[in-house]
Amino acid sequence: MTVDVEVLTRVARARWDDHRLRGWGALTELAGNETYMGVTALAASGRRLTSDERAVLDDLAVILSGAADPRIWPLKITRLVGAYGGTIAGFVAGQLCTECNAIGPWVTGPSAEMLIAVRDGCAGAAGEQFAVRARGVLARYDRLPGFGVAFRPQDERLLALRRQLEKVGRTSMPWWTLLERVSEIVRADRRLEPNVAAACAATLLDMGFSARQAQVITNFANQNTFVANAIEAAEQASPVMRRLPVESVRYVGPPPRSIRP
């Protein structure tokens, strides 16, 4: 039996005279008036940003692109797969391995959710009462998403983003202010500094995005780090990158099956 199912979409519609993206004419209304990150935010949320908001997202994308060092392990996977000659394969492999809550731009989502939980748990509280309630919320987390900086005292990307936000008067906005207050508590209690994922979370929440939308937008703002490595890896096609040292490989799993004649 055949069942007809109607699937609705609000994303786009192709037309002969123009193409609609989230209700806007891509060729007649967006072309010449939008930036790449502006269109990314539109695709993720259905909302067009102001020119000031687009400028912040463009700055964010540039700041994130500085972490393209191929020694960073998600980019190592991009280099490994790209070495077989596939630019797209290398790019996609790197993207897949960062869809987690431990490393990379995807952490922006759980970091935003944690800030929302602190905001809700501390509603109406001030001073010491705020600190007590905030500590109660943070105690639920064994690992605080968006906190912790490896091998250095502070995340230089967060510092760069803060400088850009100060220039346009956005460090006094509610979510960034909340992040600063939470950071003081975490710094005192756990000796951890906030990293760029927490900064992205606060910045995008202040723009009115949900935690999920902030997660997606940050991920796409970070793509140039993978693009550059995927292209170079495919061009080099290095045999060294196509294998792992035998002494570095350890099998984890059931023992081999015996084959009886």
C-alpha atoms as a PDB file:
ATOM      1  CA  MET A   1       0.000   0.000   0.000  1.00  0.00           C
ATOM      2  CA  THR A   2       1.312   3.416  -0.946  1.00  0.00           C
ATOM      3  CA  VAL A   3       0.917   6.184   1.603  1.00  0.00           C
ATOM      4  CA  ASP A   4       1.293   9.789   0.520  1.00  0.00           C
ATOM      5  CA  VAL A   5       3.157  11.851   3.096  1.00  0.00           C
ATOM      6  CA  GLU A   6       3.444  15.603   2.895  1.00  0.00           C
ATOM      7  CA  VAL A   7       6.764  17.061   4.082  1.00  0.00           C
ATOM      8  CA  LEU A   8       6.714  20.795   4.715  1.00  0.00           C
ATOM      9  CA  THR A   9       9.761  23.066   4.557  1.00  0.00           C
ATOM     10  CA  ARG A  10      10.446  26.680   5.369  1.00  0.00           C
ATOM     11  CA  VAL A  11      14.003  26.582   4.079  1.00  0.00           C
ATOM     12  CA  ALA A  12      13.924  27.501   0.414  1.00  0.00           C
ATOM     13  CA  ARG A  13      12.222  27.314  -2.942  1.00  0.00           C
ATOM     14  CA  ALA A  14      13.837  27.294  -6.385  1.00  0.00           C
ATOM     15  CA  ARG A  15      12.148  29.516  -8.963  1.00  0.00           C
ATOM     16  CA  TRP A  16      12.854  30.525 -12.519  1.00  0.00           C
ATOM     17  CA  ASP A  17      13.241  34.232 -11.763  1.00  0.00           C
ATOM     18  CA  ASP A  18      14.823  33.976  -8.308  1.00  0.00           C
ATOM     19  CA  HIS A  19      15.578  31.528  -5.508  1.00  0.00           C
ATOM     20  CA  ARG A  20      13.953  32.030  -2.133  1.00  0.00           C
ATOM     21  CA  LEU A  21      15.941  31.397   1.059  1.00  0.00           C
ATOM     22  CA  ARG A  22      13.899  31.614   4.235  1.00  0.00           C
ATOM     23  CA  GLY A  23      11.438  33.769   2.336  1.00  0.00           C
ATOM     24  CA  TRP A  24      14.022  36.191   0.961  1.00  0.00           C
ATOM     25  CA  GLY A  25      15.016  36.515  -2.685  1.00  0.00           C
ATOM     26  CA  ALA A  26      18.576  35.212  -2.828  1.00  0.00           C
ATOM     27  CA  LEU A  27      19.314  36.951  -6.136  1.00  0.00           C
ATOM     28  CA  THR A  28      17.251  40.091  -5.731  1.00  0.00           C
ATOM     29  CA  GLU A  29      17.273  40.843  -1.993  1.00  0.00           C
ATOM     30  CA  LEU A  30      20.210  39.066  -0.366  1.00  0.00           C
ATOM     31  CA  ALA A  31      22.902  39.380  -3.062  1.00  0.00           C
ATOM     32  CA  GLY A  32      24.914  42.514  -2.348  1.00  0.00           C
ATOM     33  CA  ASN A  33      23.253  42.988   1.025  1.00  0.00           C
ATOM     34  CA  GLU A  34      24.347  39.942   3.030  1.00  0.00           C
ATOM     35  CA  THR A  35      27.607  38.388   4.211  1.00  0.00           C
ATOM     36  CA  TYR A  36      28.457  34.707   4.358  1.00  0.00           C
ATOM     37  CA  MET A  37      27.914  34.569   8.112  1.00  0.00           C
ATOM     38  CA  GLY A  38      24.727  36.601   7.750  1.00  0.00           C
ATOM     39  CA  VAL A  39      23.333  34.006   5.355  1.00  0.00           C
ATOM     40  CA  THR A  40      24.543  31.235   7.674  1.00  0.00           C
ATOM     41  CA  ALA A  41      22.606  32.765  10.563  1.00  0.00           C
ATOM     42  CA  LEU A  42      19.577  33.198   8.303  1.00  0.00           C
ATOM     43  CA  ALA A  43      19.751  29.549   7.245  1.00  0.00           C
ATOM     44  CA  ALA A  44      20.085  28.361  10.855  1.00  0.00           C
ATOM     45  CA  SER A  45      17.408  30.538  12.411  1.00  0.00           C
ATOM     46  CA  GLY A  46      15.244  32.080   9.705  1.00  0.00           C
ATOM     47  CA  ARG A  47      16.134  35.553  10.997  1.00  0.00           C
ATOM     48  CA  ARG A  48      18.209  38.199   9.261  1.00  0.00           C
ATOM     49  CA  LEU A  49      20.755  39.979  11.406  1.00  0.00           C
ATOM     50  CA  THR A  50      21.448  43.665  11.710  1.00  0.00           C
ATOM     51  CA  SER A  51      24.629  44.999  10.125  1.00  0.00           C
ATOM     52  CA  ASP A  52      26.239  45.238  13.583  1.00  0.00           C
ATOM     53  CA  GLU A  53      25.365  41.619  14.373  1.00  0.00           C
ATOM     54  CA  ARG A  54      26.736  40.437  11.025  1.00  0.00           C
ATOM     55  CA  ALA A  55      29.993  42.257  11.749  1.00  0.00           C
ATOM     56  CA  VAL A  56      30.297  40.445  15.086  1.00  0.00           C
ATOM     57  CA  LEU A  57      29.749  37.055  13.429  1.00  0.00           C
ATOM     58  CA  ASP A  58      32.287  37.879  10.733  1.00  0.00           C
ATOM     59  CA  ASP A  59      34.816  38.767  13.443  1.00  0.00           C
ATOM     60  CA  LEU A  60      33.976  35.522  15.219  1.00  0.00           C
ATOM     61  CA  ALA A  61      34.603  33.471  12.070  1.00  0.00           C
ATOM     62  CA  VAL A  62      37.981  35.142  11.538  1.00  0.00           C
ATOM     63  CA  ILE A  63      38.988  34.585  15.167  1.00  0.00           C
ATOM     64  CA  LEU A  64      38.055  30.895  15.016  1.00  0.00           C
ATOM     65  CA  SER A  65      39.930  30.375  11.739  1.00  0.00           C
ATOM     66  CA  GLY A  66      43.212  31.050  13.508  1.00  0.00           C
ATOM     67  CA  ALA A  67      43.076  27.598  15.115  1.00  0.00           C
ATOM     68  CA  ALA A  68      43.836  25.740  11.886  1.00  0.00           C
ATOM     69  CA  ASP A  69      47.060  24.134  13.122  1.00  0.00           C
ATOM     70  CA  PRO A  70      47.093  20.574  11.696  1.00  0.00           C
ATOM     71  CA  ARG A  71      48.566  19.262  14.961  1.00  0.00           C
ATOM     72  CA  ILE A  72      45.146  19.716  16.614  1.00  0.00           C
ATOM     73  CA  TRP A  73      43.630  16.251  16.648  1.00  0.00           C
ATOM     74  CA  PRO A  74      40.328  16.842  14.774  1.00  0.00           C
ATOM     75  CA  LEU A  75      42.424  18.389  12.006  1.00  0.00           C
ATOM     76  CA  LYS A  76      44.751  15.378  12.082  1.00  0.00           C
ATOM     77  CA  ILE A  77      41.765  13.273  11.071  1.00  0.00           C
ATOM     78  CA  THR A  78      41.071  15.701   8.239  1.00  0.00           C
ATOM     79  CA  ARG A  79      44.691  15.374   7.110  1.00  0.00           C
ATOM     80  CA  LEU A  80      44.630  11.583   7.379  1.00  0.00           C
ATOM     81  CA  VAL A  81      41.483  11.139   5.284  1.00  0.00           C
ATOM     82  CA  GLY A  82      42.355  13.968   2.893  1.00  0.00           C
ATOM     83  CA  ALA A  83      45.740  12.331   2.208  1.00  0.00           C
ATOM     84  CA  TYR A  84      43.931   9.688   0.176  1.00  0.00           C
ATOM     85  CA  GLY A  85      43.165  12.406  -2.349  1.00  0.00           C
ATOM     86  CA  GLY A  86      39.672  13.456  -1.311  1.00  0.00           C
ATOM     87  CA  THR A  87      39.218  17.080  -0.272  1.00  0.00           C
ATOM     88  CA  ILE A  88      35.540  16.655   0.555  1.00  0.00           C
ATOM     89  CA  ALA A  89      36.139  13.330   2.321  1.00  0.00           C
ATOM     90  CA  GLY A  90      38.826  14.908   4.506  1.00  0.00           C
ATOM     91  CA  PHE A  91      36.631  17.892   5.299  1.00  0.00           C
ATOM     92  CA  VAL A  92      33.622  15.758   6.224  1.00  0.00           C
ATOM     93  CA  ALA A  93      35.697  13.391   8.386  1.00  0.00           C
ATOM     94  CA  GLY A  94      36.922  16.307  10.454  1.00  0.00           C
ATOM     95  CA  GLN A  95      33.410  17.675  10.829  1.00  0.00           C
ATOM     96  CA  LEU A  96      32.034  14.336  11.986  1.00  0.00           C
ATOM     97  CA  CYS A  97      34.601  13.827  14.719  1.00  0.00           C
ATOM     98  CA  THR A  98      33.773  17.171  16.360  1.00  0.00           C
ATOM     99  CA  GLU A  99      30.050  16.528  16.802  1.00  0.00           C
ATOM    100  CA  CYS A 100      30.519  15.967  20.512  1.00  0.00           C
ATOM    101  CA  ASN A 101      30.417  17.808  23.819  1.00  0.00           C
ATOM    102  CA  ALA A 102      34.125  17.600  24.574  1.00  0.00           C
ATOM    103  CA  ILE A 103      36.035  19.533  21.926  1.00  0.00           C
ATOM    104  CA  GLY A 104      35.454  21.912  19.041  1.00  0.00           C
ATOM    105  CA  PRO A 105      32.710  24.388  18.122  1.00  0.00           C
ATOM    106  CA  TRP A 106      29.906  21.933  18.902  1.00  0.00           C
ATOM    107  CA  VAL A 107      30.587  22.559  22.609  1.00  0.00           C
ATOM    108  CA  THR A 108      28.948  25.967  22.146  1.00  0.00           C
ATOM    109  CA  GLY A 109      25.551  24.260  22.425  1.00  0.00           C
ATOM    110  CA  PRO A 110      25.976  22.598  25.846  1.00  0.00           C
ATOM    111  CA  SER A 111      27.836  25.673  27.076  1.00  0.00           C
ATOM    112  CA  ALA A 112      24.847  27.837  26.135  1.00  0.00           C
ATOM    113  CA  GLU A 113      22.497  25.361  27.830  1.00  0.00           C
ATOM    114  CA  MET A 114      24.583  25.587  31.000  1.00  0.00           C
ATOM    115  CA  LEU A 115      24.418  29.388  30.979  1.00  0.00           C
ATOM    116  CA  ILE A 116      20.645  29.168  30.529  1.00  0.00           C
ATOM    117  CA  ALA A 117      20.449  26.760  33.478  1.00  0.00           C
ATOM    118  CA  VAL A 118      22.435  29.194  35.649  1.00  0.00           C
ATOM    119  CA  ARG A 119      20.230  32.094  34.557  1.00  0.00           C
ATOM    120  CA  ASP A 120      17.064  30.150  35.401  1.00  0.00           C
ATOM    121  CA  GLY A 121      18.439  28.825  38.681  1.00  0.00           C
ATOM    122  CA  CYS A 122      19.539  32.269  39.839  1.00  0.00           C
ATOM    123  CA  ALA A 123      16.476  34.249  38.776  1.00  0.00           C
ATOM    124  CA  GLY A 124      15.966  37.170  41.143  1.00  0.00           C
ATOM    125  CA  ALA A 125      19.152  36.475  43.113  1.00  0.00           C
ATOM    126  CA  ALA A 126      21.893  39.025  43.685  1.00  0.00           C
ATOM    127  CA  GLY A 127      25.223  39.251  45.444  1.00  0.00           C
ATOM    128  CA  GLU A 128      26.135  36.287  47.620  1.00  0.00           C
ATOM    129  CA  GLN A 129      22.758  34.665  47.012  1.00  0.00           C
ATOM    130  CA  PHE A 130      23.521  34.589  43.283  1.00  0.00           C
ATOM    131  CA  ALA A 131      26.891  32.935  43.936  1.00  0.00           C
ATOM    132  CA  VAL A 132      25.307  30.298  46.176  1.00  0.00           C
ATOM    133  CA  ARG A 133      22.617  29.422  43.643  1.00  0.00           C
ATOM    134  CA  ALA A 134      25.054  29.464  40.733  1.00  0.00           C
ATOM    135  CA  ARG A 135      27.354  27.048  42.559  1.00  0.00           C
ATOM    136  CA  GLY A 136      24.391  24.761  43.104  1.00  0.00           C
ATOM    137  CA  VAL A 137      23.683  24.668  39.369  1.00  0.00           C
ATOM    138  CA  LEU A 138      27.333  24.231  38.392  1.00  0.00           C
ATOM    139  CA  ALA A 139      27.713  21.365  40.877  1.00  0.00           C
ATOM    140  CA  ARG A 140      25.514  19.258  38.583  1.00  0.00           C
ATOM    141  CA  TYR A 141      28.307  19.197  36.006  1.00  0.00           C
ATOM    142  CA  ASP A 142      31.349  16.960  36.354  1.00  0.00           C
ATOM    143  CA  ARG A 143      32.774  18.747  33.346  1.00  0.00           C
ATOM    144  CA  LEU A 144      31.775  22.329  32.632  1.00  0.00           C
ATOM    145  CA  PRO A 145      31.237  22.803  28.873  1.00  0.00           C
ATOM    146  CA  GLY A 146      33.064  25.885  27.662  1.00  0.00           C
ATOM    147  CA  PHE A 147      35.594  25.898  30.517  1.00  0.00           C
ATOM    148  CA  GLY A 148      39.171  24.674  30.519  1.00  0.00           C
ATOM    149  CA  VAL A 149      42.100  25.844  28.401  1.00  0.00           C
ATOM    150  CA  ALA A 150      44.799  23.353  27.424  1.00  0.00           C
ATOM    151  CA  PHE A 151      48.521  24.110  27.774  1.00  0.00           C
ATOM    152  CA  ARG A 152      48.121  27.881  28.331  1.00  0.00           C
ATOM    153  CA  PRO A 153      46.621  30.153  31.001  1.00  0.00           C
ATOM    154  CA  GLN A 154      43.856  31.711  28.856  1.00  0.00           C
ATOM    155  CA  ASP A 155      42.156  31.154  25.508  1.00  0.00           C
ATOM    156  CA  GLU A 156      43.537  33.824  23.203  1.00  0.00           C
ATOM    157  CA  ARG A 157      40.473  33.515  20.956  1.00  0.00           C
ATOM    158  CA  LEU A 158      38.168  34.457  23.823  1.00  0.00           C
ATOM    159  CA  LEU A 159      40.390  37.459  24.604  1.00  0.00           C
ATOM    160  CA  ALA A 160      40.297  38.550  20.959  1.00  0.00           C
ATOM    161  CA  LEU A 161      36.521  38.205  20.811  1.00  0.00           C
ATOM    162  CA  ARG A 162      36.141  40.189  24.033  1.00  0.00           C
ATOM    163  CA  ARG A 163      38.226  43.006  22.533  1.00  0.00           C
ATOM    164  CA  GLN A 164      36.012  43.118  19.453  1.00  0.00           C
ATOM    165  CA  LEU A 165      32.851  43.086  21.560  1.00  0.00           C
ATOM    166  CA  GLU A 166      34.175  45.900  23.738  1.00  0.00           C
ATOM    167  CA  LYS A 167      34.616  48.061  20.641  1.00  0.00           C
ATOM    168  CA  VAL A 168      30.929  47.773  19.788  1.00  0.00           C
ATOM    169  CA  GLY A 169      29.612  47.904  23.350  1.00  0.00           C
ATOM    170  CA  ARG A 170      28.438  44.307  23.631  1.00  0.00           C
ATOM    171  CA  THR A 171      30.346  43.194  26.746  1.00  0.00           C
ATOM    172  CA  SER A 172      27.658  44.783  28.935  1.00  0.00           C
ATOM    173  CA  MET A 173      24.895  42.653  27.432  1.00  0.00           C
ATOM    174  CA  PRO A 174      23.079  40.158  29.716  1.00  0.00           C
ATOM    175  CA  TRP A 175      24.573  36.852  28.618  1.00  0.00           C
ATOM    176  CA  TRP A 176      28.140  38.127  28.352  1.00  0.00           C
ATOM    177  CA  THR A 177      27.778  39.697  31.804  1.00  0.00           C
ATOM    178  CA  LEU A 178      26.471  36.368  33.125  1.00  0.00           C
ATOM    179  CA  LEU A 179      29.442  34.540  31.596  1.00  0.00           C
ATOM    180  CA  GLU A 180      31.837  36.905  33.355  1.00  0.00           C
ATOM    181  CA  ARG A 181      30.109  36.289  36.710  1.00  0.00           C
ATOM    182  CA  VAL A 182      30.095  32.527  36.203  1.00  0.00           C
ATOM    183  CA  SER A 183      33.756  32.640  35.175  1.00  0.00           C
ATOM    184  CA  GLU A 184      34.673  34.301  38.456  1.00  0.00           C
ATOM    185  CA  ILE A 185      33.001  31.478  40.378  1.00  0.00           C
ATOM    186  CA  VAL A 186      34.527  28.696  38.266  1.00  0.00           C
ATOM    187  CA  ARG A 187      37.938  30.331  38.457  1.00  0.00           C
ATOM    188  CA  ALA A 188      37.756  30.403  42.251  1.00  0.00           C
ATOM    189  CA  ASP A 189      36.233  26.938  42.743  1.00  0.00           C
ATOM    190  CA  ARG A 190      37.756  24.842  39.965  1.00  0.00           C
ATOM    191  CA  ARG A 191      40.703  26.927  38.769  1.00  0.00           C
ATOM    192  CA  LEU A 192      39.405  26.797  35.211  1.00  0.00           C
ATOM    193  CA  GLU A 193      39.270  29.591  32.654  1.00  0.00           C
ATOM    194  CA  PRO A 194      36.489  29.977  30.088  1.00  0.00           C
ATOM    195  CA  ASN A 195      37.353  29.076  26.518  1.00  0.00           C
ATOM    196  CA  VAL A 196      36.070  30.302  23.191  1.00  0.00           C
ATOM    197  CA  ALA A 197      33.058  27.944  23.196  1.00  0.00           C
ATOM    198  CA  ALA A 198      31.654  29.737  26.246  1.00  0.00           C
ATOM    199  CA  ALA A 199      32.406  33.074  24.603  1.00  0.00           C
ATOM    200  CA  CYS A 200      30.559  32.019  21.451  1.00  0.00           C
ATOM    201  CA  ALA A 201      27.634  30.804  23.550  1.00  0.00           C
ATOM    202  CA  ALA A 202      27.257  34.115  25.391  1.00  0.00           C
ATOM    203  CA  THR A 203      27.741  36.183  22.234  1.00  0.00           C
ATOM    204  CA  LEU A 204      25.091  34.303  20.266  1.00  0.00           C
ATOM    205  CA  LEU A 205      22.624  34.116  23.151  1.00  0.00           C
ATOM    206  CA  ASP A 206      22.903  37.908  23.352  1.00  0.00           C
ATOM    207  CA  MET A 207      21.879  38.001  19.683  1.00  0.00           C
ATOM    208  CA  GLY A 208      18.706  36.096  20.528  1.00  0.00           C
ATOM    209  CA  PHE A 209      19.691  32.688  19.178  1.00  0.00           C
ATOM    210  CA  SER A 210      18.748  29.470  20.950  1.00  0.00           C
ATOM    211  CA  ALA A 211      21.423  27.129  22.292  1.00  0.00           C
ATOM    212  CA  ARG A 212      20.927  24.813  19.307  1.00  0.00           C
ATOM    213  CA  GLN A 213      21.144  27.656  16.795  1.00  0.00           C
ATOM    214  CA  ALA A 214      24.275  29.007  18.503  1.00  0.00           C
ATOM    215  CA  GLN A 215      25.843  25.553  18.242  1.00  0.00           C
ATOM    216  CA  VAL A 216      25.184  25.262  14.520  1.00  0.00           C
ATOM    217  CA  ILE A 217      26.235  28.813  13.672  1.00  0.00           C
ATOM    218  CA  THR A 218      29.525  28.453  15.566  1.00  0.00           C
ATOM    219  CA  ASN A 219      30.243  25.182  13.795  1.00  0.00           C
ATOM    220  CA  PHE A 220      29.869  26.785  10.379  1.00  0.00           C
ATOM    221  CA  ALA A 221      31.869  29.818  11.467  1.00  0.00           C
ATOM    222  CA  ASN A 222      34.744  27.416  12.182  1.00  0.00           C
ATOM    223  CA  GLN A 223      34.756  25.585   8.833  1.00  0.00           C
ATOM    224  CA  ASN A 224      37.720  27.378   7.313  1.00  0.00           C
ATOM    225  CA  THR A 225      40.029  25.570   9.718  1.00  0.00           C
ATOM    226  CA  PHE A 226      38.981  22.275   8.126  1.00  0.00           C
ATOM    227  CA  VAL A 227      38.814  23.631   4.570  1.00  0.00           C
ATOM    228  CA  ALA A 228      42.460  24.720   4.551  1.00  0.00           C
ATOM    229  CA  ASN A 229      43.729  21.400   5.902  1.00  0.00           C
ATOM    230  CA  ALA A 230      41.507  19.273   3.651  1.00  0.00           C
ATOM    231  CA  ILE A 231      42.740  21.086   0.545  1.00  0.00           C
ATOM    232  CA  GLU A 232      46.421  20.849   1.451  1.00  0.00           C
ATOM    233  CA  ALA A 233      46.155  17.215   2.551  1.00  0.00           C
ATOM    234  CA  ALA A 234      44.530  16.217  -0.750  1.00  0.00           C
ATOM    235  CA  GLU A 235      47.144  18.122  -2.752  1.00  0.00           C
ATOM    236  CA  GLN A 236      50.054  16.542  -0.869  1.00  0.00           C
ATOM    237  CA  ALA A 237      48.531  13.031  -0.753  1.00  0.00           C
ATOM    238  CA  SER A 238      51.402  12.146   1.589  1.00  0.00           C
ATOM    239  CA  PRO A 239      52.002   8.398   2.063  1.00  0.00           C
ATOM    240  CA  VAL A 240      53.146   9.157   5.620  1.00  0.00           C
ATOM    241  CA  MET A 241      49.679  10.403   6.497  1.00  0.00           C
ATOM    242  CA  ARG A 242      48.064   7.243   5.131  1.00  0.00           C
ATOM    243  CA  ARG A 243      49.316   4.976   7.859  1.00  0.00           C
ATOM    244  CA  LEU A 244      49.666   4.864  11.606  1.00  0.00           C
ATOM    245  CA  PRO A 245      52.766   3.451  13.330  1.00  0.00           C
ATOM    246  CA  VAL A 246      52.112  -0.170  14.268  1.00  0.00           C
ATOM    247  CA  GLU A 247      53.418   0.444  17.795  1.00  0.00           C
ATOM    248  CA  SER A 248      50.724   3.116  18.263  1.00  0.00           C
ATOM    249  CA  VAL A 249      47.829   0.808  17.394  1.00  0.00           C
ATOM    250  CA  ARG A 250      46.122  -1.319  20.045  1.00  0.00           C
ATOM    251  CA  TYR A 251      43.202  -3.596  19.262  1.00  0.00           C
ATOM    252  CA  VAL A 252      40.254  -3.400  21.662  1.00  0.00           C
ATOM    253  CA  GLY A 253      37.551  -6.004  21.138  1.00  0.00           C
ATOM    254  CA  PRO A 254      36.710  -9.699  21.252  1.00  0.00           C
ATOM    255  CA  PRO A 255      39.468 -12.246  20.622  1.00  0.00           C
ATOM    256  CA  PRO A 256      39.847 -13.637  17.100  1.00  0.00           C
ATOM    257  CA  ARG A 257      37.569 -16.529  16.252  1.00  0.00           C
ATOM    258  CA  SER A 258      39.134 -19.929  15.698  1.00  0.00           C
ATOM    259  CA  ILE A 259      38.293 -21.536  12.371  1.00  0.00           C
ATOM    260  CA  ARG A 260      37.924 -25.279  12.572  1.00  0.00           C
ATOM    261  CA  PRO A 261      38.314 -27.421   9.481  1.00  0.00           C
END
